[in-house]
């Protein structure tokens, strides 16, 4: 079980501070959705937790250890991150892309081992991409392409997966395709998943834990019932909402809203 937390994190770009003294703990073996308006530093938080952006002060802990004191290869064996709108080189096949996930488990320029190939085949199978394994990534649909990147991430064989807006630019069917895959990975593989997401109803439906951010701070965190409320959404997004219970999922759902 891999744990991730931040203590007294202050993050910025040059002299501009965007996150100030943040304390956060992500529940293990759960799906966490980070929500909030544009510019509230959701993506910056995720990059900081993944060691892609260095905090000005404070500490990110991976399994209780300062992440900046852990070797990069060891981090890559525990945590995978999928950034916004990743791009693969032209002509790269799905199989080749997924094989990159095995890099942390290899030494130097060695060929793929039997275990590597088994993990790649497993990742392709779990993500429903077996029939597309020899197809070039840049010829795939949006949902298929995103599944290919997720397959690469899970072939990395980490227990922690961070995703920055995995459903952005996808139509509704492809959004559901990706989110249902993440739910499956959590339920069947016991993966801890942390994702930045904009759709409030999808966050409520698929996440066990929600973190609502406002101006670089955690405004509210907890279950969907605790976070997706008229009061919280008014204060975080400056919108007037109507919240109902989705009869199919039992989760809160935003059915209408107006700007305040």
C-alpha atoms as a PDB file:
ATOM      1  CA  UNK A   1       0.000   0.000   0.000  1.00  0.00           C
ATOM      2  CA  UNK A   2       1.545   3.288  -1.164  1.00  0.00           C
ATOM      3  CA  UNK A   3       0.702   6.480   0.733  1.00  0.00           C
ATOM      4  CA  UNK A   4       1.003  10.095  -0.442  1.00  0.00           C
ATOM      5  CA  UNK A   5       0.702  13.264   1.609  1.00  0.00           C
ATOM      6  CA  UNK A   6       1.887  16.845   1.764  1.00  0.00           C
ATOM      7  CA  UNK A   7       2.874  18.878   4.815  1.00  0.00           C
ATOM      8  CA  UNK A   8       3.025  22.673   4.926  1.00  0.00           C
ATOM      9  CA  UNK A   9       3.437  22.875   1.144  1.00  0.00           C
ATOM     10  CA  UNK A  10       4.091  26.321  -0.286  1.00  0.00           C
ATOM     11  CA  UNK A  11       4.360  26.342  -4.065  1.00  0.00           C
ATOM     12  CA  UNK A  12       4.914  29.114  -6.571  1.00  0.00           C
ATOM     13  CA  UNK A  13       6.299  30.264  -9.876  1.00  0.00           C
ATOM     14  CA  UNK A  14       9.178  32.697  -9.417  1.00  0.00           C
ATOM     15  CA  UNK A  15       7.866  35.213  -6.866  1.00  0.00           C
ATOM     16  CA  UNK A  16       4.173  34.323  -7.288  1.00  0.00           C
ATOM     17  CA  UNK A  17       2.856  32.010  -4.568  1.00  0.00           C
ATOM     18  CA  UNK A  18      -0.058  29.833  -5.700  1.00  0.00           C
ATOM     19  CA  UNK A  19      -0.293  27.339  -2.791  1.00  0.00           C
ATOM     20  CA  UNK A  20       0.382  28.414   0.783  1.00  0.00           C
ATOM     21  CA  UNK A  21       1.087  26.106   3.746  1.00  0.00           C
ATOM     22  CA  UNK A  22      -1.119  23.260   2.488  1.00  0.00           C
ATOM     23  CA  UNK A  23      -1.528  20.042   4.444  1.00  0.00           C
ATOM     24  CA  UNK A  24      -3.128  17.163   2.546  1.00  0.00           C
ATOM     25  CA  UNK A  25      -3.400  13.386   2.885  1.00  0.00           C
ATOM     26  CA  UNK A  26      -4.733  11.221   0.069  1.00  0.00           C
ATOM     27  CA  UNK A  27      -6.557   8.090   1.269  1.00  0.00           C
ATOM     28  CA  UNK A  28      -4.871   4.872   0.162  1.00  0.00           C
ATOM     29  CA  UNK A  29      -6.662   2.383  -2.117  1.00  0.00           C
ATOM     30  CA  UNK A  30      -9.355   4.955  -2.936  1.00  0.00           C
ATOM     31  CA  UNK A  31     -10.209   7.240  -5.847  1.00  0.00           C
ATOM     32  CA  UNK A  32      -9.726  10.915  -5.005  1.00  0.00           C
ATOM     33  CA  UNK A  33     -11.067  13.675  -7.265  1.00  0.00           C
ATOM     34  CA  UNK A  34      -9.604  17.177  -7.001  1.00  0.00           C
ATOM     35  CA  UNK A  35     -12.125  19.798  -8.106  1.00  0.00           C
ATOM     36  CA  UNK A  36     -12.140  23.579  -8.227  1.00  0.00           C
ATOM     37  CA  UNK A  37     -12.325  26.554 -10.603  1.00  0.00           C
ATOM     38  CA  UNK A  38      -9.696  27.231 -13.247  1.00  0.00           C
ATOM     39  CA  UNK A  39      -6.591  28.816 -11.776  1.00  0.00           C
ATOM     40  CA  UNK A  40      -6.980  27.394  -8.263  1.00  0.00           C
ATOM     41  CA  UNK A  41      -3.735  25.370  -8.689  1.00  0.00           C
ATOM     42  CA  UNK A  42      -5.199  21.859  -8.955  1.00  0.00           C
ATOM     43  CA  UNK A  43      -2.693  20.802 -11.604  1.00  0.00           C
ATOM     44  CA  UNK A  44       0.154  22.519  -9.768  1.00  0.00           C
ATOM     45  CA  UNK A  45      -0.669  20.518  -6.655  1.00  0.00           C
ATOM     46  CA  UNK A  46      -0.635  17.274  -8.621  1.00  0.00           C
ATOM     47  CA  UNK A  47       2.701  18.131 -10.269  1.00  0.00           C
ATOM     48  CA  UNK A  48       4.184  19.051  -6.893  1.00  0.00           C
ATOM     49  CA  UNK A  49       3.051  15.791  -5.336  1.00  0.00           C
ATOM     50  CA  UNK A  50       4.590  13.909  -8.283  1.00  0.00           C
ATOM     51  CA  UNK A  51       7.921  15.768  -7.952  1.00  0.00           C
ATOM     52  CA  UNK A  52       7.478  17.437 -11.331  1.00  0.00           C
ATOM     53  CA  UNK A  53       7.408  20.858  -9.669  1.00  0.00           C
ATOM     54  CA  UNK A  54       9.483  21.728  -6.631  1.00  0.00           C
ATOM     55  CA  UNK A  55       7.760  23.318  -3.643  1.00  0.00           C
ATOM     56  CA  UNK A  56       9.289  26.456  -2.162  1.00  0.00           C
ATOM     57  CA  UNK A  57       8.834  24.927   1.284  1.00  0.00           C
ATOM     58  CA  UNK A  58       7.157  21.976   2.935  1.00  0.00           C
ATOM     59  CA  UNK A  59       7.478  18.273   2.229  1.00  0.00           C
ATOM     60  CA  UNK A  60       5.724  15.698   0.064  1.00  0.00           C
ATOM     61  CA  UNK A  61       5.822  12.248   1.632  1.00  0.00           C
ATOM     62  CA  UNK A  62       5.698   9.033  -0.372  1.00  0.00           C
ATOM     63  CA  UNK A  63       5.280   6.084   1.974  1.00  0.00           C
ATOM     64  CA  UNK A  64       6.309   8.362   4.821  1.00  0.00           C
ATOM     65  CA  UNK A  65       9.592   9.436   3.182  1.00  0.00           C
ATOM     66  CA  UNK A  66      10.523  12.829   1.750  1.00  0.00           C
ATOM     67  CA  UNK A  67       9.937  12.353  -1.981  1.00  0.00           C
ATOM     68  CA  UNK A  68      12.985  14.461  -2.839  1.00  0.00           C
ATOM     69  CA  UNK A  69      15.196  11.989  -0.978  1.00  0.00           C
ATOM     70  CA  UNK A  70      13.970   8.974  -2.948  1.00  0.00           C
ATOM     71  CA  UNK A  71      15.692   7.850  -6.151  1.00  0.00           C
ATOM     72  CA  UNK A  72      13.702   8.632  -9.306  1.00  0.00           C
ATOM     73  CA  UNK A  73      13.629   4.985 -10.347  1.00  0.00           C
ATOM     74  CA  UNK A  74      12.210   3.953  -6.972  1.00  0.00           C
ATOM     75  CA  UNK A  75       9.489   6.608  -7.244  1.00  0.00           C
ATOM     76  CA  UNK A  76       8.620   5.327 -10.728  1.00  0.00           C
ATOM     77  CA  UNK A  77       8.062   1.853  -9.276  1.00  0.00           C
ATOM     78  CA  UNK A  78       5.477   3.235  -6.853  1.00  0.00           C
ATOM     79  CA  UNK A  79       3.834   6.157  -8.619  1.00  0.00           C
ATOM     80  CA  UNK A  80       2.825   6.905 -12.213  1.00  0.00           C
ATOM     81  CA  UNK A  81       1.541  10.255 -13.466  1.00  0.00           C
ATOM     82  CA  UNK A  82      -0.451  10.974 -16.605  1.00  0.00           C
ATOM     83  CA  UNK A  83      -0.246  14.695 -17.506  1.00  0.00           C
ATOM     84  CA  UNK A  84      -2.786  16.697 -19.488  1.00  0.00           C
ATOM     85  CA  UNK A  85      -3.020  15.859 -23.202  1.00  0.00           C
ATOM     86  CA  UNK A  86       0.168  13.766 -23.542  1.00  0.00           C
ATOM     87  CA  UNK A  87       1.505  13.262 -27.058  1.00  0.00           C
ATOM     88  CA  UNK A  88       3.238  10.219 -28.510  1.00  0.00           C
ATOM     89  CA  UNK A  89       5.839  10.402 -31.299  1.00  0.00           C
ATOM     90  CA  UNK A  90       4.444   9.870 -34.801  1.00  0.00           C
ATOM     91  CA  UNK A  91       4.353   6.241 -35.871  1.00  0.00           C
ATOM     92  CA  UNK A  92       4.538   4.809 -32.332  1.00  0.00           C
ATOM     93  CA  UNK A  93       2.313   1.764 -31.908  1.00  0.00           C
ATOM     94  CA  UNK A  94       0.096   1.127 -28.924  1.00  0.00           C
ATOM     95  CA  UNK A  95       2.303  -1.813 -27.908  1.00  0.00           C
ATOM     96  CA  UNK A  96       5.453   0.305 -28.064  1.00  0.00           C
ATOM     97  CA  UNK A  97       3.853   3.072 -26.011  1.00  0.00           C
ATOM     98  CA  UNK A  98       2.704   0.654 -23.328  1.00  0.00           C
ATOM     99  CA  UNK A  99       6.148  -0.960 -23.246  1.00  0.00           C
ATOM    100  CA  UNK A 100       7.617   2.353 -22.050  1.00  0.00           C
ATOM    101  CA  UNK A 101       5.861   1.708 -18.754  1.00  0.00           C
ATOM    102  CA  UNK A 102       8.334  -1.095 -18.074  1.00  0.00           C
ATOM    103  CA  UNK A 103      11.354   1.250 -18.130  1.00  0.00           C
ATOM    104  CA  UNK A 104      11.635   1.594 -14.304  1.00  0.00           C
ATOM    105  CA  UNK A 105      11.955  -2.188 -14.045  1.00  0.00           C
ATOM    106  CA  UNK A 106      14.770  -2.503 -16.571  1.00  0.00           C
ATOM    107  CA  UNK A 107      18.514  -2.001 -16.329  1.00  0.00           C
ATOM    108  CA  UNK A 108      20.138   0.126 -18.977  1.00  0.00           C
ATOM    109  CA  UNK A 109      19.145  -0.767 -22.541  1.00  0.00           C
ATOM    110  CA  UNK A 110      18.134  -4.368 -21.935  1.00  0.00           C
ATOM    111  CA  UNK A 111      15.414  -5.964 -24.042  1.00  0.00           C
ATOM    112  CA  UNK A 112      11.963  -6.640 -22.713  1.00  0.00           C
ATOM    113  CA  UNK A 113      11.969  -9.672 -20.450  1.00  0.00           C
ATOM    114  CA  UNK A 114       9.305 -12.344 -20.334  1.00  0.00           C
ATOM    115  CA  UNK A 115       7.851 -10.628 -17.253  1.00  0.00           C
ATOM    116  CA  UNK A 116       7.850  -7.268 -19.061  1.00  0.00           C
ATOM    117  CA  UNK A 117       5.944  -8.756 -21.995  1.00  0.00           C
ATOM    118  CA  UNK A 118       3.460 -10.409 -19.641  1.00  0.00           C
ATOM    119  CA  UNK A 119       2.798  -7.092 -17.892  1.00  0.00           C
ATOM    120  CA  UNK A 120       2.357  -5.293 -21.217  1.00  0.00           C
ATOM    121  CA  UNK A 121      -0.089  -7.950 -22.408  1.00  0.00           C
ATOM    122  CA  UNK A 122      -1.944  -7.691 -19.104  1.00  0.00           C
ATOM    123  CA  UNK A 123      -2.184  -3.875 -19.369  1.00  0.00           C
ATOM    124  CA  UNK A 124      -3.485  -4.131 -22.935  1.00  0.00           C
ATOM    125  CA  UNK A 125      -6.044  -6.711 -21.854  1.00  0.00           C
ATOM    126  CA  UNK A 126      -7.256  -4.723 -18.820  1.00  0.00           C
ATOM    127  CA  UNK A 127      -7.707  -1.588 -20.918  1.00  0.00           C
ATOM    128  CA  UNK A 128      -9.394  -3.432 -23.782  1.00  0.00           C
ATOM    129  CA  UNK A 129      -6.670  -2.588 -26.295  1.00  0.00           C
ATOM    130  CA  UNK A 130      -5.526  -6.033 -27.446  1.00  0.00           C
ATOM    131  CA  UNK A 131      -7.041  -5.629 -30.891  1.00  0.00           C
ATOM    132  CA  UNK A 132      -5.333  -2.252 -31.283  1.00  0.00           C
ATOM    133  CA  UNK A 133      -1.873  -3.264 -30.046  1.00  0.00           C
ATOM    134  CA  UNK A 134      -0.233  -2.833 -33.490  1.00  0.00           C
ATOM    135  CA  UNK A 135      -2.105   0.340 -34.414  1.00  0.00           C
ATOM    136  CA  UNK A 136      -0.335   3.706 -34.327  1.00  0.00           C
ATOM    137  CA  UNK A 137      -1.320   5.849 -31.346  1.00  0.00           C
ATOM    138  CA  UNK A 138      -1.955   8.966 -33.428  1.00  0.00           C
ATOM    139  CA  UNK A 139      -4.647   7.131 -35.428  1.00  0.00           C
ATOM    140  CA  UNK A 140      -6.744   6.256 -32.368  1.00  0.00           C
ATOM    141  CA  UNK A 141      -9.899   7.988 -31.185  1.00  0.00           C
ATOM    142  CA  UNK A 142      -9.632  10.253 -28.124  1.00  0.00           C
ATOM    143  CA  UNK A 143     -10.918   7.617 -25.728  1.00  0.00           C
ATOM    144  CA  UNK A 144      -8.707   4.893 -27.189  1.00  0.00           C
ATOM    145  CA  UNK A 145      -5.661   7.149 -27.026  1.00  0.00           C
ATOM    146  CA  UNK A 146      -6.322   7.973 -23.388  1.00  0.00           C
ATOM    147  CA  UNK A 147      -6.746   4.277 -22.595  1.00  0.00           C
ATOM    148  CA  UNK A 148      -3.395   3.612 -24.272  1.00  0.00           C
ATOM    149  CA  UNK A 149      -1.668   6.143 -22.021  1.00  0.00           C
ATOM    150  CA  UNK A 150      -3.399   4.640 -18.981  1.00  0.00           C
ATOM    151  CA  UNK A 151      -2.233   1.189 -20.126  1.00  0.00           C
ATOM    152  CA  UNK A 152       1.336   2.518 -20.207  1.00  0.00           C
ATOM    153  CA  UNK A 153       0.879   3.894 -16.696  1.00  0.00           C
ATOM    154  CA  UNK A 154      -0.452   0.662 -15.243  1.00  0.00           C
ATOM    155  CA  UNK A 155       2.170  -1.426 -17.058  1.00  0.00           C
ATOM    156  CA  UNK A 156       4.543   0.550 -14.860  1.00  0.00           C
ATOM    157  CA  UNK A 157       3.087  -1.647 -12.100  1.00  0.00           C
ATOM    158  CA  UNK A 158       2.627   1.090  -9.527  1.00  0.00           C
ATOM    159  CA  UNK A 159       0.041   1.097  -6.777  1.00  0.00           C
ATOM    160  CA  UNK A 160      -0.482   4.868  -7.107  1.00  0.00           C
ATOM    161  CA  UNK A 161      -1.772   6.593 -10.250  1.00  0.00           C
ATOM    162  CA  UNK A 162      -2.047  10.383 -10.678  1.00  0.00           C
ATOM    163  CA  UNK A 163      -4.030  11.795 -13.603  1.00  0.00           C
ATOM    164  CA  UNK A 164      -4.346  15.442 -14.596  1.00  0.00           C
ATOM    165  CA  UNK A 165      -7.722  15.987 -16.285  1.00  0.00           C
ATOM    166  CA  UNK A 166      -7.921  12.528 -17.919  1.00  0.00           C
ATOM    167  CA  UNK A 167     -11.314  13.288 -19.518  1.00  0.00           C
ATOM    168  CA  UNK A 168     -10.566  16.730 -20.970  1.00  0.00           C
ATOM    169  CA  UNK A 169     -11.296  17.041 -24.710  1.00  0.00           C
ATOM    170  CA  UNK A 170     -13.218  13.744 -24.728  1.00  0.00           C
ATOM    171  CA  UNK A 171     -16.894  13.387 -25.599  1.00  0.00           C
ATOM    172  CA  UNK A 172     -19.249  11.997 -22.956  1.00  0.00           C
ATOM    173  CA  UNK A 173     -19.012   8.373 -24.123  1.00  0.00           C
ATOM    174  CA  UNK A 174     -15.198   8.455 -24.052  1.00  0.00           C
ATOM    175  CA  UNK A 175     -15.207  10.217 -20.677  1.00  0.00           C
ATOM    176  CA  UNK A 176     -17.287   7.400 -19.207  1.00  0.00           C
ATOM    177  CA  UNK A 177     -15.040   4.847 -20.894  1.00  0.00           C
ATOM    178  CA  UNK A 178     -11.981   6.258 -19.142  1.00  0.00           C
ATOM    179  CA  UNK A 179     -13.654   6.742 -15.753  1.00  0.00           C
ATOM    180  CA  UNK A 180     -15.114   3.235 -15.724  1.00  0.00           C
ATOM    181  CA  UNK A 181     -11.643   1.896 -16.479  1.00  0.00           C
ATOM    182  CA  UNK A 182     -10.204   3.820 -13.522  1.00  0.00           C
ATOM    183  CA  UNK A 183     -12.983   2.476 -11.310  1.00  0.00           C
ATOM    184  CA  UNK A 184     -12.151  -1.056 -12.462  1.00  0.00           C
ATOM    185  CA  UNK A 185      -8.452  -0.549 -11.701  1.00  0.00           C
ATOM    186  CA  UNK A 186      -9.315   0.649  -8.217  1.00  0.00           C
ATOM    187  CA  UNK A 187     -11.754  -2.156  -7.460  1.00  0.00           C
ATOM    188  CA  UNK A 188      -9.907  -5.068  -9.060  1.00  0.00           C
ATOM    189  CA  UNK A 189      -6.269  -3.978  -8.727  1.00  0.00           C
ATOM    190  CA  UNK A 190      -6.612  -1.980  -5.491  1.00  0.00           C
ATOM    191  CA  UNK A 191      -4.912   1.035  -7.090  1.00  0.00           C
ATOM    192  CA  UNK A 192      -4.912   4.405  -5.365  1.00  0.00           C
ATOM    193  CA  UNK A 193      -6.060   6.930  -7.975  1.00  0.00           C
ATOM    194  CA  UNK A 194      -5.817  10.705  -7.661  1.00  0.00           C
ATOM    195  CA  UNK A 195      -7.261  12.769 -10.498  1.00  0.00           C
ATOM    196  CA  UNK A 196      -8.011  16.371 -11.343  1.00  0.00           C
ATOM    197  CA  UNK A 197     -11.458  16.550 -12.922  1.00  0.00           C
ATOM    198  CA  UNK A 198     -13.870  19.330 -13.881  1.00  0.00           C
ATOM    199  CA  UNK A 199     -17.205  17.512 -14.136  1.00  0.00           C
ATOM    200  CA  UNK A 200     -18.787  17.671 -10.679  1.00  0.00           C
ATOM    201  CA  UNK A 201     -21.279  14.891 -11.312  1.00  0.00           C
ATOM    202  CA  UNK A 202     -18.572  12.539 -12.525  1.00  0.00           C
ATOM    203  CA  UNK A 203     -16.428  13.415  -9.512  1.00  0.00           C
ATOM    204  CA  UNK A 204     -19.336  12.609  -7.200  1.00  0.00           C
ATOM    205  CA  UNK A 205     -20.114   9.367  -9.002  1.00  0.00           C
ATOM    206  CA  UNK A 206     -16.646   7.865  -9.356  1.00  0.00           C
ATOM    207  CA  UNK A 207     -14.607   9.211  -6.431  1.00  0.00           C
ATOM    208  CA  UNK A 208     -14.620   7.988  -2.836  1.00  0.00           C
ATOM    209  CA  UNK A 209     -12.949  11.172  -1.638  1.00  0.00           C
ATOM    210  CA  UNK A 210     -13.214  14.707  -3.024  1.00  0.00           C
ATOM    211  CA  UNK A 211     -10.925  17.684  -2.482  1.00  0.00           C
ATOM    212  CA  UNK A 212     -12.419  21.079  -3.367  1.00  0.00           C
ATOM    213  CA  UNK A 213      -9.759  23.732  -3.889  1.00  0.00           C
ATOM    214  CA  UNK A 214     -10.111  27.495  -3.927  1.00  0.00           C
ATOM    215  CA  UNK A 215      -7.282  29.974  -4.479  1.00  0.00           C
ATOM    216  CA  UNK A 216      -4.564  27.435  -3.780  1.00  0.00           C
ATOM    217  CA  UNK A 217      -6.114  26.108  -0.592  1.00  0.00           C
ATOM    218  CA  UNK A 218      -8.154  23.066   0.371  1.00  0.00           C
ATOM    219  CA  UNK A 219     -11.574  24.573   0.964  1.00  0.00           C
ATOM    220  CA  UNK A 220     -13.405  21.328   1.735  1.00  0.00           C
ATOM    221  CA  UNK A 221     -12.639  17.627   1.533  1.00  0.00           C
ATOM    222  CA  UNK A 222     -14.567  14.474   2.270  1.00  0.00           C
ATOM    223  CA  UNK A 223     -17.194  12.260   0.681  1.00  0.00           C
ATOM    224  CA  UNK A 224     -19.328  13.400  -2.249  1.00  0.00           C
ATOM    225  CA  UNK A 225     -22.170  14.056   0.186  1.00  0.00           C
ATOM    226  CA  UNK A 226     -19.926  16.367   2.211  1.00  0.00           C
ATOM    227  CA  UNK A 227     -18.378  18.256  -0.710  1.00  0.00           C
ATOM    228  CA  UNK A 228     -21.052  18.431  -3.421  1.00  0.00           C
ATOM    229  CA  UNK A 229     -23.401  20.732  -1.532  1.00  0.00           C
ATOM    230  CA  UNK A 230     -25.074  23.981  -2.479  1.00  0.00           C
ATOM    231  CA  UNK A 231     -23.070  25.910   0.110  1.00  0.00           C
ATOM    232  CA  UNK A 232     -19.665  24.515  -0.878  1.00  0.00           C
ATOM    233  CA  UNK A 233     -20.257  24.991  -4.600  1.00  0.00           C
ATOM    234  CA  UNK A 234     -21.474  28.533  -4.003  1.00  0.00           C
ATOM    235  CA  UNK A 235     -18.327  29.441  -2.112  1.00  0.00           C
ATOM    236  CA  UNK A 236     -15.858  27.553  -4.331  1.00  0.00           C
ATOM    237  CA  UNK A 237     -17.304  28.224  -7.796  1.00  0.00           C
ATOM    238  CA  UNK A 238     -19.497  31.265  -7.084  1.00  0.00           C
ATOM    239  CA  UNK A 239     -22.533  29.450  -8.511  1.00  0.00           C
ATOM    240  CA  UNK A 240     -26.060  28.888  -7.252  1.00  0.00           C
ATOM    241  CA  UNK A 241     -26.914  25.183  -7.586  1.00  0.00           C
ATOM    242  CA  UNK A 242     -29.678  22.658  -7.064  1.00  0.00           C
ATOM    243  CA  UNK A 243     -28.450  19.346  -5.666  1.00  0.00           C
ATOM    244  CA  UNK A 244     -30.457  16.125  -5.871  1.00  0.00           C
ATOM    245  CA  UNK A 245     -29.701  12.464  -5.212  1.00  0.00           C
ATOM    246  CA  UNK A 246     -29.054  10.477  -8.379  1.00  0.00           C
ATOM    247  CA  UNK A 247     -31.584   7.602  -8.193  1.00  0.00           C
ATOM    248  CA  UNK A 248     -29.204   5.198  -9.972  1.00  0.00           C
ATOM    249  CA  UNK A 249     -26.027   5.842  -8.015  1.00  0.00           C
ATOM    250  CA  UNK A 250     -27.318   7.314  -4.757  1.00  0.00           C
ATOM    251  CA  UNK A 251     -24.733  10.090  -5.142  1.00  0.00           C
ATOM    252  CA  UNK A 252     -25.406  13.839  -5.099  1.00  0.00           C
ATOM    253  CA  UNK A 253     -25.899  15.359  -8.536  1.00  0.00           C
ATOM    254  CA  UNK A 254     -25.921  18.961  -9.720  1.00  0.00           C
ATOM    255  CA  UNK A 255     -28.989  19.388 -11.901  1.00  0.00           C
ATOM    256  CA  UNK A 256     -28.939  23.135 -12.440  1.00  0.00           C
ATOM    257  CA  UNK A 257     -26.888  26.196 -11.599  1.00  0.00           C
ATOM    258  CA  UNK A 258     -26.643  29.917 -12.204  1.00  0.00           C
ATOM    259  CA  UNK A 259     -23.824  32.382 -11.742  1.00  0.00           C
ATOM    260  CA  UNK A 260     -24.089  34.501  -8.633  1.00  0.00           C
END
